[in-house]
Structures are given as C-alpha cells and as structure tokens.
Amino acid sequence: MSQKILIVDDSKTIRAIVTRVLNECDCEVLEAGNGEEGLALAAREMPDLIIIDAAMPAMDGATMCARLHEDVALAEVPIVMLIAEAKRGNSDEITLPGVRDCLVKPFKNANLIETIGRIISIGVKVPA
C-alpha cells in the first residue's frame, strides 16, 4: 500500500522535486501551493505525512501546523518542516505541534527519503 504524502510549498520547483522523488518511492503525492490549499487538501485526502514549507506567503508553516493540530482528524498526521539554509540554527520549527523533523533547503534527494523513511514506511531504501 503506497503512502499518501502532501507537499505544501509556494515553490513549484520544490513541489516538482519532492513529487518526482516520492513517486519513485511508490508514494502518492498531493501538492498545494499555500497553507490554505494545503489545509483543505489535507482535510479531504487525509495524508499519511505532510511536508510544509516554513516560509510561505499568506499562511506560514507554523500557522498551518497549529491549524492542523486543532483539527481532531489531522492532529496526529506527522509533519516534516522545510526550512531555509539561513534558519538552520533555529530549532523553533521542530517544537511546533506535529513536526517530527526538519529538512534544510536545498536538500539532497537521499536526505528527503531518509527523513521521511524515519517517520513512515516508504518503498525505497536510502542509497548508500
């Protein structure tokens, strides 16, 4: 059974990279370009994991995490937060509700797979 993963990022490039990598892992990937779209899609599709960009216009990642946590049906869905290189030393994102790990952009495909694989079972092992 493939895992359903939602990527919420205002960057089409990041969404395309994550989608390509996770499709190779036999995951069903859902995409949203902002927090509002992401919340609606999460409520409708009930993903197994959500990847959220920390810095998005209109609704940032922290606000989206809080809103997901308020929804009883989505409160337990694990979250991976994408953070910019400049915020690498800031651990605030990891303490947000539901956030299991953070991934610094730009990231390597293997790091994405490894990070997600520590949280949910996916179809490909991390390359050595």
C-alpha atoms as a PDB file:
ATOM      1  CA  MET A   1       0.000   0.000   0.000  1.00  0.00           C
ATOM      2  CA  SER A   2       1.520   3.315  -1.032  1.00  0.00           C
ATOM      3  CA  GLN A   3       1.766   6.190   1.399  1.00  0.00           C
ATOM      4  CA  LYS A   4      -0.100   9.413   0.699  1.00  0.00           C
ATOM      5  CA  ILE A   5       2.130  12.462   1.194  1.00  0.00           C
ATOM      6  CA  LEU A   6       1.088  16.096   0.911  1.00  0.00           C
ATOM      7  CA  ILE A   7       3.707  18.695  -0.052  1.00  0.00           C
ATOM      8  CA  VAL A   8       2.768  22.305   0.751  1.00  0.00           C
ATOM      9  CA  ASP A   9       5.217  24.809  -0.696  1.00  0.00           C
ATOM     10  CA  ASP A  10       4.823  28.029  -2.665  1.00  0.00           C
ATOM     11  CA  SER A  11       7.746  26.988  -4.889  1.00  0.00           C
ATOM     12  CA  LYS A  12       6.672  24.952  -7.922  1.00  0.00           C
ATOM     13  CA  THR A  13      10.267  23.773  -8.254  1.00  0.00           C
ATOM     14  CA  ILE A  14      10.386  22.321  -4.725  1.00  0.00           C
ATOM     15  CA  ARG A  15       6.997  20.660  -5.223  1.00  0.00           C
ATOM     16  CA  ALA A  16       8.188  19.139  -8.516  1.00  0.00           C
ATOM     17  CA  ILE A  17      11.415  17.800  -6.958  1.00  0.00           C
ATOM     18  CA  VAL A  18       9.603  16.262  -3.975  1.00  0.00           C
ATOM     19  CA  THR A  19       6.918  14.777  -6.222  1.00  0.00           C
ATOM     20  CA  ARG A  20       9.472  13.202  -8.580  1.00  0.00           C
ATOM     21  CA  VAL A  21      11.499  11.695  -5.739  1.00  0.00           C
ATOM     22  CA  LEU A  22       8.479  10.345  -3.849  1.00  0.00           C
ATOM     23  CA  ASN A  23       6.828   8.940  -6.969  1.00  0.00           C
ATOM     24  CA  GLU A  24       9.960   6.768  -7.323  1.00  0.00           C
ATOM     25  CA  CYS A  25       9.232   5.520  -3.794  1.00  0.00           C
ATOM     26  CA  ASP A  26       5.747   4.402  -4.813  1.00  0.00           C
ATOM     27  CA  CYS A  27       4.121   7.212  -2.828  1.00  0.00           C
ATOM     28  CA  GLU A  28       1.002   9.064  -3.840  1.00  0.00           C
ATOM     29  CA  VAL A  29       1.937  12.740  -3.784  1.00  0.00           C
ATOM     30  CA  LEU A  30      -0.540  15.575  -3.357  1.00  0.00           C
ATOM     31  CA  GLU A  31       0.511  19.185  -3.938  1.00  0.00           C
ATOM     32  CA  ALA A  32      -0.644  22.534  -2.568  1.00  0.00           C
ATOM     33  CA  GLY A  33       0.859  25.945  -3.289  1.00  0.00           C
ATOM     34  CA  ASN A  34      -0.072  27.578   0.013  1.00  0.00           C
ATOM     35  CA  GLY A  35      -1.293  26.862   3.529  1.00  0.00           C
ATOM     36  CA  GLU A  36      -4.982  27.404   2.834  1.00  0.00           C
ATOM     37  CA  GLU A  37      -4.925  24.978  -0.112  1.00  0.00           C
ATOM     38  CA  GLY A  38      -2.892  22.579   1.999  1.00  0.00           C
ATOM     39  CA  LEU A  39      -5.398  22.588   4.862  1.00  0.00           C
ATOM     40  CA  ALA A  40      -8.314  21.943   2.503  1.00  0.00           C
ATOM     41  CA  LEU A  41      -6.468  19.160   0.674  1.00  0.00           C
ATOM     42  CA  ALA A  42      -5.348  17.547   3.942  1.00  0.00           C
ATOM     43  CA  ALA A  43      -8.918  17.522   5.261  1.00  0.00           C
ATOM     44  CA  ARG A  44     -10.211  15.983   2.043  1.00  0.00           C
ATOM     45  CA  GLU A  45      -7.423  13.437   1.399  1.00  0.00           C
ATOM     46  CA  MET A  46      -6.159  12.515   4.903  1.00  0.00           C
ATOM     47  CA  PRO A  47      -2.454  12.135   4.036  1.00  0.00           C
ATOM     48  CA  ASP A  48      -0.074   9.863   5.933  1.00  0.00           C
ATOM     49  CA  LEU A  49       2.528  12.658   6.163  1.00  0.00           C
ATOM     50  CA  ILE A  50       2.647  16.370   5.339  1.00  0.00           C
ATOM     51  CA  ILE A  51       5.726  18.279   4.189  1.00  0.00           C
ATOM     52  CA  ILE A  52       5.320  22.015   4.872  1.00  0.00           C
ATOM     53  CA  ASP A  53       7.488  24.947   3.850  1.00  0.00           C
ATOM     54  CA  ALA A  54       8.143  27.131   6.894  1.00  0.00           C
ATOM     55  CA  ALA A  55       8.104  30.401   4.934  1.00  0.00           C
ATOM     56  CA  MET A  56       5.078  30.882   2.688  1.00  0.00           C
ATOM     57  CA  PRO A  57       3.042  33.978   1.951  1.00  0.00           C
ATOM     58  CA  ALA A  58      -0.486  34.286   3.370  1.00  0.00           C
ATOM     59  CA  MET A  59      -0.088  31.410   5.851  1.00  0.00           C
ATOM     60  CA  ASP A  60       3.339  30.341   7.087  1.00  0.00           C
ATOM     61  CA  GLY A  61       4.260  26.825   8.108  1.00  0.00           C
ATOM     62  CA  ALA A  62       3.878  27.494  11.845  1.00  0.00           C
ATOM     63  CA  THR A  63       0.319  28.719  11.380  1.00  0.00           C
ATOM     64  CA  MET A  64      -0.525  25.737   9.202  1.00  0.00           C
ATOM     65  CA  CYS A  65       0.878  23.354  11.831  1.00  0.00           C
ATOM     66  CA  ALA A  66      -1.268  24.999  14.504  1.00  0.00           C
ATOM     67  CA  ARG A  67      -4.388  24.761  12.338  1.00  0.00           C
ATOM     68  CA  LEU A  68      -3.705  21.091  11.551  1.00  0.00           C
ATOM     69  CA  HIS A  69      -3.224  20.402  15.257  1.00  0.00           C
ATOM     70  CA  GLU A  70      -6.628  21.984  16.020  1.00  0.00           C
ATOM     71  CA  ASP A  71      -8.362  19.537  13.651  1.00  0.00           C
ATOM     72  CA  VAL A  72      -9.029  16.281  15.519  1.00  0.00           C
ATOM     73  CA  ALA A  73      -8.869  14.248  12.296  1.00  0.00           C
ATOM     74  CA  LEU A  74      -5.484  15.715  11.288  1.00  0.00           C
ATOM     75  CA  ALA A  75      -3.817  16.366  14.640  1.00  0.00           C
ATOM     76  CA  GLU A  76      -1.806  13.134  14.573  1.00  0.00           C
ATOM     77  CA  VAL A  77      -0.543  13.393  10.991  1.00  0.00           C
ATOM     78  CA  PRO A  78       3.267  13.701  11.140  1.00  0.00           C
ATOM     79  CA  ILE A  79       4.848  16.802   9.619  1.00  0.00           C
ATOM     80  CA  VAL A  80       8.257  17.449   8.083  1.00  0.00           C
ATOM     81  CA  MET A  81       9.075  21.153   8.003  1.00  0.00           C
ATOM     82  CA  LEU A  82      11.182  22.564   5.178  1.00  0.00           C
ATOM     83  CA  ILE A  83      13.384  25.421   6.358  1.00  0.00           C
ATOM     84  CA  ALA A  84      15.789  27.731   4.538  1.00  0.00           C
ATOM     85  CA  GLU A  85      19.538  27.355   4.983  1.00  0.00           C
ATOM     86  CA  ALA A  86      19.604  30.731   6.748  1.00  0.00           C
ATOM     87  CA  LYS A  87      17.377  29.334   9.543  1.00  0.00           C
ATOM     88  CA  ARG A  88      19.452  26.169  10.044  1.00  0.00           C
ATOM     89  CA  GLY A  89      20.382  27.010  13.648  1.00  0.00           C
ATOM     90  CA  ASN A  90      16.819  27.900  14.645  1.00  0.00           C
ATOM     91  CA  SER A  91      15.128  24.921  16.288  1.00  0.00           C
ATOM     92  CA  ASP A  92      11.742  26.613  16.774  1.00  0.00           C
ATOM     93  CA  GLU A  93      10.144  24.661  13.900  1.00  0.00           C
ATOM     94  CA  ILE A  94      10.893  21.280  15.483  1.00  0.00           C
ATOM     95  CA  THR A  95       8.839  22.210  18.564  1.00  0.00           C
ATOM     96  CA  LEU A  96       5.697  23.024  16.574  1.00  0.00           C
ATOM     97  CA  PRO A  97       2.725  20.674  17.018  1.00  0.00           C
ATOM     98  CA  GLY A  98       3.053  17.596  14.823  1.00  0.00           C
ATOM     99  CA  VAL A  99       6.527  18.389  13.486  1.00  0.00           C
ATOM    100  CA  ARG A 100       8.658  15.255  13.614  1.00  0.00           C
ATOM    101  CA  ASP A 101      11.672  16.575  11.705  1.00  0.00           C
ATOM    102  CA  CYS A 102      13.039  19.497   9.714  1.00  0.00           C
ATOM    103  CA  LEU A 103      14.792  19.393   6.370  1.00  0.00           C
ATOM    104  CA  VAL A 104      17.038  22.267   5.280  1.00  0.00           C
ATOM    105  CA  LYS A 105      16.623  23.568   1.723  1.00  0.00           C
ATOM    106  CA  PRO A 106      18.327  22.899  -0.573  1.00  0.00           C
ATOM    107  CA  PHE A 107      18.292  19.208   0.311  1.00  0.00           C
ATOM    108  CA  LYS A 108      19.601  16.076  -1.371  1.00  0.00           C
ATOM    109  CA  ASN A 109      17.063  13.548  -2.623  1.00  0.00           C
ATOM    110  CA  ALA A 110      18.578  10.897  -0.351  1.00  0.00           C
ATOM    111  CA  ASN A 111      18.095  13.182   2.678  1.00  0.00           C
ATOM    112  CA  LEU A 112      14.427  13.650   1.776  1.00  0.00           C
ATOM    113  CA  ILE A 113      13.901   9.894   1.510  1.00  0.00           C
ATOM    114  CA  GLU A 114      15.837   9.212   4.709  1.00  0.00           C
ATOM    115  CA  THR A 115      13.920  11.858   6.682  1.00  0.00           C
ATOM    116  CA  ILE A 116      10.531  10.593   5.549  1.00  0.00           C
ATOM    117  CA  GLY A 117      11.595   6.964   5.974  1.00  0.00           C
ATOM    118  CA  ARG A 118      12.353   7.589   9.662  1.00  0.00           C
ATOM    119  CA  ILE A 119       8.727   8.631  10.151  1.00  0.00           C
ATOM    120  CA  ILE A 120       6.664   6.424   7.821  1.00  0.00           C
ATOM    121  CA  SER A 121       7.409   3.350   5.744  1.00  0.00           C
ATOM    122  CA  ILE A 122       8.155   4.151   2.095  1.00  0.00           C
ATOM    123  CA  GLY A 123       9.008   1.863  -0.807  1.00  0.00           C
ATOM    124  CA  VAL A 124      12.700   2.631  -1.377  1.00  0.00           C
ATOM    125  CA  LYS A 125      15.736   2.280   0.813  1.00  0.00           C
ATOM    126  CA  VAL A 126      18.079   5.233   1.161  1.00  0.00           C
ATOM    127  CA  PRO A 127      21.052   4.955  -1.217  1.00  0.00           C
ATOM    128  CA  ALA A 128      24.393   4.363   0.493  1.00  0.00           C
END
